Amino acid sequence: MKKITFLLCAFLISGCSVLTAPLSWNAQPMVIDNDQSTYKAIIGASDHKALISQGDSIRTKIQTLISKSRKNLDRTSGGNYGAGLIAAAVGLSSLHSDALLGAGYLAGTHIALSNRLSPLGYLQQLQRTSNAFYCLNNTVLGYVSSAQKASNIVGFTASTQFFALGYSSDFNSYAETDFDKIKQTYLRALELSQEKLDSQISLTLPADVQNQLVNASKEAAKDEVEIEKLTDSDSIKDFLVEHEKLDSALLSCIALI
């Protein structure tokens, strides 16, 4: 009789813990861009300033999600504690197997929901995404700064070596292609971040990104050596370096996710 009384009390306590403790029961999976407004804004961006603005907007949304996820995580402990009480009670009882199965289901259901909807991994993944967009914004700022300095040079006469490396003295000719690369990377970062949140994959980087990063880094390093040999203006060389390392710099930001 004492065992049954103890078990009933344990069920009552743990049931209350499971049902009242976690907001994660009602939590929604983390969604960075639930109405696709950010995605559409990035696609429609006409300049670097607009992209940076969207990067800042995403980071603001992420901070809200981090706060929400942290609150959900704080409330999972009660449910898991309740599961522990159930386990202890079951260990002291001699109930019918159906009752044991029911107890395990009650505890297990909450643990599964806690792990799916408010794990610590969400907080870590959201922070990685925030770091990635901070990196992208800084990369764009560095590129724009070097491009402006190069375009401000008056009376630039390119050296023979400059043309031999396949460069054009019209710096605007680089702008469209480079801007498209940057825009596509912002979109890829947003997509990849949501994919990882949806599937809770936070440990690996897609193989295609890894391979691209390695190859782009090698090419950028080789080109930078050749650029440094030029006798042209330092501002021109700085821009060419930024242009050549753009692929690897963007991919490095993606690698943070």
C-alpha atoms as a PDB file:
ATOM      1  CA  MET A   1       0.000   0.000   0.000  1.00  0.00           C
ATOM      2  CA  LYS A   2       2.831   2.382   0.863  1.00  0.00           C
ATOM      3  CA  LYS A   3       4.494   1.665  -2.463  1.00  0.00           C
ATOM      4  CA  ILE A   4       1.303   2.427  -4.366  1.00  0.00           C
ATOM      5  CA  THR A   5       0.755   5.631  -2.387  1.00  0.00           C
ATOM      6  CA  PHE A   6       4.322   6.746  -3.087  1.00  0.00           C
ATOM      7  CA  LEU A   7       3.941   5.951  -6.760  1.00  0.00           C
ATOM      8  CA  LEU A   8       0.698   7.898  -7.062  1.00  0.00           C
ATOM      9  CA  CYS A   9       2.333  10.915  -5.438  1.00  0.00           C
ATOM     10  CA  ALA A  10       5.267  10.632  -7.796  1.00  0.00           C
ATOM     11  CA  PHE A  11       2.945  10.491 -10.796  1.00  0.00           C
ATOM     12  CA  LEU A  12       1.069  13.535  -9.529  1.00  0.00           C
ATOM     13  CA  ILE A  13       4.222  15.576  -8.953  1.00  0.00           C
ATOM     14  CA  SER A  14       5.836  14.579 -12.224  1.00  0.00           C
ATOM     15  CA  GLY A  15       2.634  15.051 -14.164  1.00  0.00           C
ATOM     16  CA  CYS A  16       2.368  18.605 -12.868  1.00  0.00           C
ATOM     17  CA  SER A  17       6.019  19.209 -13.722  1.00  0.00           C
ATOM     18  CA  VAL A  18       5.583  17.961 -17.260  1.00  0.00           C
ATOM     19  CA  LEU A  19       2.348  19.804 -17.926  1.00  0.00           C
ATOM     20  CA  THR A  20       3.145  23.126 -16.298  1.00  0.00           C
ATOM     21  CA  ALA A  21       6.900  23.465 -16.527  1.00  0.00           C
ATOM     22  CA  PRO A  22       7.851  23.661 -20.178  1.00  0.00           C
ATOM     23  CA  LEU A  23       6.596  26.322 -22.490  1.00  0.00           C
ATOM     24  CA  SER A  24       8.389  24.148 -25.031  1.00  0.00           C
ATOM     25  CA  TRP A  25       5.184  22.099 -25.283  1.00  0.00           C
ATOM     26  CA  ASN A  26       3.642  25.076 -27.053  1.00  0.00           C
ATOM     27  CA  ALA A  27       6.846  26.459 -28.547  1.00  0.00           C
ATOM     28  CA  GLN A  28       7.145  26.805 -32.282  1.00  0.00           C
ATOM     29  CA  PRO A  29      10.275  25.692 -34.153  1.00  0.00           C
ATOM     30  CA  MET A  30      12.678  28.579 -34.624  1.00  0.00           C
ATOM     31  CA  VAL A  31      11.978  30.393 -37.920  1.00  0.00           C
ATOM     32  CA  ILE A  32      14.207  33.287 -38.931  1.00  0.00           C
ATOM     33  CA  ASP A  33      12.098  34.570 -41.828  1.00  0.00           C
ATOM     34  CA  ASN A  34       8.559  33.237 -41.348  1.00  0.00           C
ATOM     35  CA  ASP A  35       6.917  35.519 -43.940  1.00  0.00           C
ATOM     36  CA  GLN A  36       9.826  35.539 -46.432  1.00  0.00           C
ATOM     37  CA  SER A  37      10.020  39.321 -46.198  1.00  0.00           C
ATOM     38  CA  THR A  38      13.760  39.232 -45.554  1.00  0.00           C
ATOM     39  CA  TYR A  39      14.392  36.807 -48.399  1.00  0.00           C
ATOM     40  CA  LYS A  40      12.455  39.026 -50.799  1.00  0.00           C
ATOM     41  CA  ALA A  41      14.225  42.140 -49.522  1.00  0.00           C
ATOM     42  CA  ILE A  42      17.627  40.583 -50.187  1.00  0.00           C
ATOM     43  CA  ILE A  43      16.603  39.577 -53.706  1.00  0.00           C
ATOM     44  CA  GLY A  44      15.337  43.094 -54.359  1.00  0.00           C
ATOM     45  CA  ALA A  45      18.371  44.857 -52.852  1.00  0.00           C
ATOM     46  CA  SER A  46      19.893  47.287 -55.327  1.00  0.00           C
ATOM     47  CA  ASP A  47      23.058  48.223 -53.440  1.00  0.00           C
ATOM     48  CA  HIS A  48      25.434  47.103 -50.703  1.00  0.00           C
ATOM     49  CA  LYS A  49      23.821  49.376 -48.133  1.00  0.00           C
ATOM     50  CA  ALA A  50      20.504  47.549 -48.554  1.00  0.00           C
ATOM     51  CA  LEU A  51      22.187  44.172 -48.057  1.00  0.00           C
ATOM     52  CA  ILE A  52      23.932  45.345 -44.900  1.00  0.00           C
ATOM     53  CA  SER A  53      20.603  46.635 -43.624  1.00  0.00           C
ATOM     54  CA  GLN A  54      19.065  43.205 -44.151  1.00  0.00           C
ATOM     55  CA  GLY A  55      22.013  41.585 -42.400  1.00  0.00           C
ATOM     56  CA  ASP A  56      21.386  43.818 -39.382  1.00  0.00           C
ATOM     57  CA  SER A  57      17.658  43.044 -39.542  1.00  0.00           C
ATOM     58  CA  ILE A  58      18.343  39.305 -39.483  1.00  0.00           C
ATOM     59  CA  ARG A  59      20.628  39.680 -36.474  1.00  0.00           C
ATOM     60  CA  THR A  60      17.890  41.628 -34.666  1.00  0.00           C
ATOM     61  CA  LYS A  61      15.371  38.846 -35.370  1.00  0.00           C
ATOM     62  CA  ILE A  62      17.854  36.261 -34.169  1.00  0.00           C
ATOM     63  CA  GLN A  63      18.307  38.032 -30.838  1.00  0.00           C
ATOM     64  CA  THR A  64      14.528  37.826 -30.353  1.00  0.00           C
ATOM     65  CA  LEU A  65      14.579  34.109 -31.163  1.00  0.00           C
ATOM     66  CA  ILE A  66      17.511  33.547 -28.796  1.00  0.00           C
ATOM     67  CA  SER A  67      15.571  35.205 -25.994  1.00  0.00           C
ATOM     68  CA  LYS A  68      12.507  33.069 -26.732  1.00  0.00           C
ATOM     69  CA  SER A  69      14.539  29.880 -27.006  1.00  0.00           C
ATOM     70  CA  ARG A  70      16.322  30.616 -23.731  1.00  0.00           C
ATOM     71  CA  LYS A  71      12.990  31.012 -21.933  1.00  0.00           C
ATOM     72  CA  ASN A  72      11.766  27.720 -23.373  1.00  0.00           C
ATOM     73  CA  LEU A  73      14.960  25.981 -22.363  1.00  0.00           C
ATOM     74  CA  ASP A  74      14.652  27.282 -18.797  1.00  0.00           C
ATOM     75  CA  ARG A  75      11.307  25.526 -18.499  1.00  0.00           C
ATOM     76  CA  THR A  76      12.373  22.095 -19.710  1.00  0.00           C
ATOM     77  CA  SER A  77      14.165  21.246 -16.465  1.00  0.00           C
ATOM     78  CA  GLY A  78      10.886  20.806 -14.580  1.00  0.00           C
ATOM     79  CA  GLY A  79       9.590  18.259 -17.060  1.00  0.00           C
ATOM     80  CA  ASN A  80      12.824  16.311 -17.115  1.00  0.00           C
ATOM     81  CA  TYR A  81      12.895  16.368 -13.328  1.00  0.00           C
ATOM     82  CA  GLY A  82       9.390  14.900 -13.400  1.00  0.00           C
ATOM     83  CA  ALA A  83      10.647  12.149 -15.680  1.00  0.00           C
ATOM     84  CA  GLY A  84      13.312  11.347 -13.105  1.00  0.00           C
ATOM     85  CA  LEU A  85      10.688  10.994 -10.373  1.00  0.00           C
ATOM     86  CA  ILE A  86       8.704   8.623 -12.556  1.00  0.00           C
ATOM     87  CA  ALA A  87      11.779   6.489 -13.106  1.00  0.00           C
ATOM     88  CA  ALA A  88      12.484   6.373  -9.377  1.00  0.00           C
ATOM     89  CA  ALA A  89       8.889   5.461  -8.574  1.00  0.00           C
ATOM     90  CA  VAL A  90       8.809   2.736 -11.191  1.00  0.00           C
ATOM     91  CA  GLY A  91      11.970   1.276  -9.744  1.00  0.00           C
ATOM     92  CA  LEU A  92      10.301   0.869  -6.364  1.00  0.00           C
ATOM     93  CA  SER A  93       7.027  -0.511  -7.651  1.00  0.00           C
ATOM     94  CA  SER A  94       5.645  -3.771  -8.906  1.00  0.00           C
ATOM     95  CA  LEU A  95       2.967  -2.303 -11.168  1.00  0.00           C
ATOM     96  CA  HIS A  96       1.498  -3.999 -14.204  1.00  0.00           C
ATOM     97  CA  SER A  97       3.621  -3.630 -17.364  1.00  0.00           C
ATOM     98  CA  ASP A  98       0.957  -1.433 -19.002  1.00  0.00           C
ATOM     99  CA  ALA A  99       1.285   1.068 -16.172  1.00  0.00           C
ATOM    100  CA  LEU A 100       5.070   1.098 -16.556  1.00  0.00           C
ATOM    101  CA  LEU A 101       4.707   1.651 -20.292  1.00  0.00           C
ATOM    102  CA  GLY A 102       2.315   4.521 -19.689  1.00  0.00           C
ATOM    103  CA  ALA A 103       4.677   6.140 -17.218  1.00  0.00           C
ATOM    104  CA  GLY A 104       7.578   5.850 -19.629  1.00  0.00           C
ATOM    105  CA  TYR A 105       5.482   7.321 -22.434  1.00  0.00           C
ATOM    106  CA  LEU A 106       4.483  10.306 -20.312  1.00  0.00           C
ATOM    107  CA  ALA A 107       8.083  11.048 -19.413  1.00  0.00           C
ATOM    108  CA  GLY A 108       9.505  10.206 -22.827  1.00  0.00           C
ATOM    109  CA  THR A 109       7.028  12.365 -24.685  1.00  0.00           C
ATOM    110  CA  HIS A 110       8.068  15.436 -22.787  1.00  0.00           C
ATOM    111  CA  ILE A 111      11.766  14.729 -23.217  1.00  0.00           C
ATOM    112  CA  ALA A 112      11.302  14.300 -26.953  1.00  0.00           C
ATOM    113  CA  LEU A 113       9.398  17.567 -27.220  1.00  0.00           C
ATOM    114  CA  SER A 114      11.976  19.371 -25.121  1.00  0.00           C
ATOM    115  CA  ASN A 115      14.808  18.169 -27.308  1.00  0.00           C
ATOM    116  CA  ARG A 116      12.940  19.027 -30.516  1.00  0.00           C
ATOM    117  CA  LEU A 117      11.614  22.447 -29.632  1.00  0.00           C
ATOM    118  CA  SER A 118      13.983  24.081 -27.201  1.00  0.00           C
ATOM    119  CA  PRO A 119      17.400  22.431 -27.027  1.00  0.00           C
ATOM    120  CA  LEU A 120      20.573  24.224 -26.151  1.00  0.00           C
ATOM    121  CA  GLY A 121      21.610  23.515 -29.731  1.00  0.00           C
ATOM    122  CA  TYR A 122      19.092  26.083 -30.967  1.00  0.00           C
ATOM    123  CA  LEU A 123      20.779  28.816 -28.954  1.00  0.00           C
ATOM    124  CA  GLN A 124      24.165  27.836 -30.328  1.00  0.00           C
ATOM    125  CA  GLN A 125      22.917  27.607 -33.906  1.00  0.00           C
ATOM    126  CA  LEU A 126      21.171  30.975 -33.731  1.00  0.00           C
ATOM    127  CA  GLN A 127      24.351  32.574 -32.423  1.00  0.00           C
ATOM    128  CA  ARG A 128      26.349  31.026 -35.274  1.00  0.00           C
ATOM    129  CA  THR A 129      23.944  32.568 -37.753  1.00  0.00           C
ATOM    130  CA  SER A 130      24.237  35.963 -36.083  1.00  0.00           C
ATOM    131  CA  ASN A 131      28.040  35.706 -36.286  1.00  0.00           C
ATOM    132  CA  ALA A 132      27.824  34.745 -39.966  1.00  0.00           C
ATOM    133  CA  PHE A 133      25.770  37.795 -40.928  1.00  0.00           C
ATOM    134  CA  TYR A 134      28.061  40.037 -38.860  1.00  0.00           C
ATOM    135  CA  CYS A 135      30.938  38.580 -40.866  1.00  0.00           C
ATOM    136  CA  LEU A 136      29.108  39.177 -44.160  1.00  0.00           C
ATOM    137  CA  ASN A 137      28.369  42.787 -43.277  1.00  0.00           C
ATOM    138  CA  ASN A 138      32.015  43.442 -42.369  1.00  0.00           C
ATOM    139  CA  THR A 139      33.181  41.777 -45.587  1.00  0.00           C
ATOM    140  CA  VAL A 140      30.893  44.017 -47.630  1.00  0.00           C
ATOM    141  CA  LEU A 141      32.014  47.129 -45.756  1.00  0.00           C
ATOM    142  CA  GLY A 142      35.664  46.291 -46.443  1.00  0.00           C
ATOM    143  CA  TYR A 143      34.969  45.660 -50.124  1.00  0.00           C
ATOM    144  CA  VAL A 144      32.962  48.887 -50.577  1.00  0.00           C
ATOM    145  CA  SER A 145      35.634  50.942 -48.820  1.00  0.00           C
ATOM    146  CA  SER A 146      38.413  49.634 -51.072  1.00  0.00           C
ATOM    147  CA  ALA A 147      36.253  50.102 -54.201  1.00  0.00           C
ATOM    148  CA  GLN A 148      35.530  53.732 -53.318  1.00  0.00           C
ATOM    149  CA  LYS A 149      39.207  54.513 -52.745  1.00  0.00           C
ATOM    150  CA  ALA A 150      40.137  52.946 -56.077  1.00  0.00           C
ATOM    151  CA  SER A 151      37.415  54.792 -57.993  1.00  0.00           C
ATOM    152  CA  ASN A 152      38.493  58.122 -56.484  1.00  0.00           C
ATOM    153  CA  ILE A 153      41.898  57.947 -58.134  1.00  0.00           C
ATOM    154  CA  VAL A 154      42.046  60.500 -60.959  1.00  0.00           C
ATOM    155  CA  GLY A 155      44.150  59.997 -64.058  1.00  0.00           C
ATOM    156  CA  PHE A 156      44.933  56.363 -63.378  1.00  0.00           C
ATOM    157  CA  THR A 157      47.211  54.824 -65.981  1.00  0.00           C
ATOM    158  CA  ALA A 158      47.426  51.057 -65.713  1.00  0.00           C
ATOM    159  CA  SER A 159      50.781  49.334 -66.020  1.00  0.00           C
ATOM    160  CA  THR A 160      51.528  46.663 -68.572  1.00  0.00           C
ATOM    161  CA  GLN A 161      51.523  44.068 -65.797  1.00  0.00           C
ATOM    162  CA  PHE A 162      48.047  45.224 -64.770  1.00  0.00           C
ATOM    163  CA  PHE A 163      46.574  44.368 -68.162  1.00  0.00           C
ATOM    164  CA  ALA A 164      48.699  41.219 -68.434  1.00  0.00           C
ATOM    165  CA  LEU A 165      46.877  39.835 -65.381  1.00  0.00           C
ATOM    166  CA  GLY A 166      43.569  40.356 -67.158  1.00  0.00           C
ATOM    167  CA  TYR A 167      42.326  43.364 -65.175  1.00  0.00           C
ATOM    168  CA  SER A 168      40.317  46.263 -66.534  1.00  0.00           C
ATOM    169  CA  SER A 169      40.977  49.889 -65.663  1.00  0.00           C
ATOM    170  CA  ASP A 170      37.201  50.383 -65.552  1.00  0.00           C
ATOM    171  CA  PHE A 171      36.516  49.444 -61.939  1.00  0.00           C
ATOM    172  CA  ASN A 172      32.784  49.642 -62.450  1.00  0.00           C
ATOM    173  CA  SER A 173      33.081  46.559 -64.649  1.00  0.00           C
ATOM    174  CA  TYR A 174      33.652  44.466 -61.503  1.00  0.00           C
ATOM    175  CA  ALA A 175      30.716  45.886 -59.609  1.00  0.00           C
ATOM    176  CA  GLU A 176      27.796  43.924 -61.047  1.00  0.00           C
ATOM    177  CA  THR A 177      29.400  40.497 -60.802  1.00  0.00           C
ATOM    178  CA  ASP A 178      30.780  41.105 -57.325  1.00  0.00           C
ATOM    179  CA  PHE A 179      27.479  42.493 -56.057  1.00  0.00           C
ATOM    180  CA  ASP A 180      25.629  39.442 -57.374  1.00  0.00           C
ATOM    181  CA  LYS A 181      28.074  37.167 -55.536  1.00  0.00           C
ATOM    182  CA  ILE A 182      27.470  39.049 -52.315  1.00  0.00           C
ATOM    183  CA  LYS A 183      23.690  38.965 -52.711  1.00  0.00           C
ATOM    184  CA  GLN A 184      23.675  35.235 -53.433  1.00  0.00           C
ATOM    185  CA  THR A 185      25.786  34.612 -50.344  1.00  0.00           C
ATOM    186  CA  TYR A 186      23.317  36.484 -48.120  1.00  0.00           C
ATOM    187  CA  LEU A 187      20.519  34.339 -49.559  1.00  0.00           C
ATOM    188  CA  ARG A 188      22.561  31.143 -49.083  1.00  0.00           C
ATOM    189  CA  ALA A 189      23.356  32.090 -45.499  1.00  0.00           C
ATOM    190  CA  LEU A 190      19.678  32.616 -44.748  1.00  0.00           C
ATOM    191  CA  GLU A 191      18.673  29.322 -46.370  1.00  0.00           C
ATOM    192  CA  LEU A 192      21.436  27.279 -44.763  1.00  0.00           C
ATOM    193  CA  SER A 193      20.694  28.759 -41.325  1.00  0.00           C
ATOM    194  CA  GLN A 194      17.040  27.752 -41.550  1.00  0.00           C
ATOM    195  CA  GLU A 195      17.943  24.281 -42.836  1.00  0.00           C
ATOM    196  CA  LYS A 196      20.143  23.725 -39.817  1.00  0.00           C
ATOM    197  CA  LEU A 197      17.477  24.979 -37.418  1.00  0.00           C
ATOM    198  CA  ASP A 198      14.844  22.745 -39.012  1.00  0.00           C
ATOM    199  CA  SER A 199      16.992  19.617 -38.929  1.00  0.00           C
ATOM    200  CA  GLN A 200      19.055  20.539 -35.866  1.00  0.00           C
ATOM    201  CA  ILE A 201      22.309  20.036 -37.761  1.00  0.00           C
ATOM    202  CA  SER A 202      24.923  22.274 -36.204  1.00  0.00           C
ATOM    203  CA  LEU A 203      28.162  20.347 -36.447  1.00  0.00           C
ATOM    204  CA  THR A 204      28.977  19.985 -40.124  1.00  0.00           C
ATOM    205  CA  LEU A 205      29.411  22.294 -43.082  1.00  0.00           C
ATOM    206  CA  PRO A 206      28.053  21.138 -46.452  1.00  0.00           C
ATOM    207  CA  ALA A 207      30.775  19.426 -48.468  1.00  0.00           C
ATOM    208  CA  ASP A 208      30.253  21.738 -51.443  1.00  0.00           C
ATOM    209  CA  VAL A 209      30.936  24.788 -49.265  1.00  0.00           C
ATOM    210  CA  GLN A 210      34.025  23.165 -47.753  1.00  0.00           C
ATOM    211  CA  ASN A 211      35.483  22.353 -51.153  1.00  0.00           C
ATOM    212  CA  GLN A 212      34.670  25.778 -52.562  1.00  0.00           C
ATOM    213  CA  LEU A 213      36.269  27.488 -49.580  1.00  0.00           C
ATOM    214  CA  VAL A 214      39.509  25.532 -49.931  1.00  0.00           C
ATOM    215  CA  ASN A 215      39.768  26.185 -53.667  1.00  0.00           C
ATOM    216  CA  ALA A 216      38.789  29.861 -53.398  1.00  0.00           C
ATOM    217  CA  SER A 217      41.335  30.449 -50.632  1.00  0.00           C
ATOM    218  CA  LYS A 218      44.117  28.915 -52.722  1.00  0.00           C
ATOM    219  CA  GLU A 219      43.220  31.019 -55.747  1.00  0.00           C
ATOM    220  CA  ALA A 220      42.982  34.213 -53.705  1.00  0.00           C
ATOM    221  CA  ALA A 221      46.387  33.620 -52.105  1.00  0.00           C
ATOM    222  CA  LYS A 222      47.996  33.025 -55.504  1.00  0.00           C
ATOM    223  CA  ASP A 223      46.378  36.117 -57.033  1.00  0.00           C
ATOM    224  CA  GLU A 224      47.359  38.282 -54.074  1.00  0.00           C
ATOM    225  CA  VAL A 225      51.027  37.440 -54.637  1.00  0.00           C
ATOM    226  CA  GLU A 226      50.749  38.535 -58.275  1.00  0.00           C
ATOM    227  CA  ILE A 227      48.891  41.735 -57.345  1.00  0.00           C
ATOM    228  CA  GLU A 228      51.576  42.726 -54.862  1.00  0.00           C
ATOM    229  CA  LYS A 229      54.122  42.675 -57.702  1.00  0.00           C
ATOM    230  CA  LEU A 230      52.248  45.419 -59.562  1.00  0.00           C
ATOM    231  CA  THR A 231      53.706  48.917 -59.664  1.00  0.00           C
ATOM    232  CA  ASP A 232      50.255  50.531 -59.679  1.00  0.00           C
ATOM    233  CA  SER A 233      48.688  52.592 -56.887  1.00  0.00           C
ATOM    234  CA  ASP A 234      48.322  50.972 -53.468  1.00  0.00           C
ATOM    235  CA  SER A 235      44.613  51.783 -53.486  1.00  0.00           C
ATOM    236  CA  ILE A 236      44.269  49.991 -56.807  1.00  0.00           C
ATOM    237  CA  LYS A 237      46.116  46.964 -55.496  1.00  0.00           C
ATOM    238  CA  ASP A 238      44.059  46.949 -52.295  1.00  0.00           C
ATOM    239  CA  PHE A 239      40.863  46.872 -54.330  1.00  0.00           C
ATOM    240  CA  LEU A 240      42.137  44.093 -56.577  1.00  0.00           C
ATOM    241  CA  VAL A 241      43.012  42.031 -53.501  1.00  0.00           C
ATOM    242  CA  GLU A 242      39.510  42.577 -52.080  1.00  0.00           C
ATOM    243  CA  HIS A 243      38.041  41.621 -55.443  1.00  0.00           C
ATOM    244  CA  GLU A 244      40.093  38.437 -55.728  1.00  0.00           C
ATOM    245  CA  LYS A 245      39.526  37.259 -52.164  1.00  0.00           C
ATOM    246  CA  LEU A 246      35.786  38.050 -52.221  1.00  0.00           C
ATOM    247  CA  ASP A 247      34.767  34.440 -52.908  1.00  0.00           C
ATOM    248  CA  SER A 248      36.845  33.016 -50.064  1.00  0.00           C
ATOM    249  CA  ALA A 249      35.836  35.804 -47.666  1.00  0.00           C
ATOM    250  CA  LEU A 250      32.133  35.203 -48.303  1.00  0.00           C
ATOM    251  CA  LEU A 251      32.508  31.447 -47.982  1.00  0.00           C
ATOM    252  CA  SER A 252      34.397  31.911 -44.721  1.00  0.00           C
ATOM    253  CA  CYS A 253      31.342  33.697 -43.344  1.00  0.00           C
ATOM    254  CA  ILE A 254      29.099  30.870 -44.527  1.00  0.00           C
ATOM    255  CA  ALA A 255      31.413  28.440 -42.746  1.00  0.00           C
ATOM    256  CA  LEU A 256      30.504  30.050 -39.412  1.00  0.00           C
ATOM    257  CA  ILE A 257      26.923  28.796 -39.649  1.00  0.00           C
END
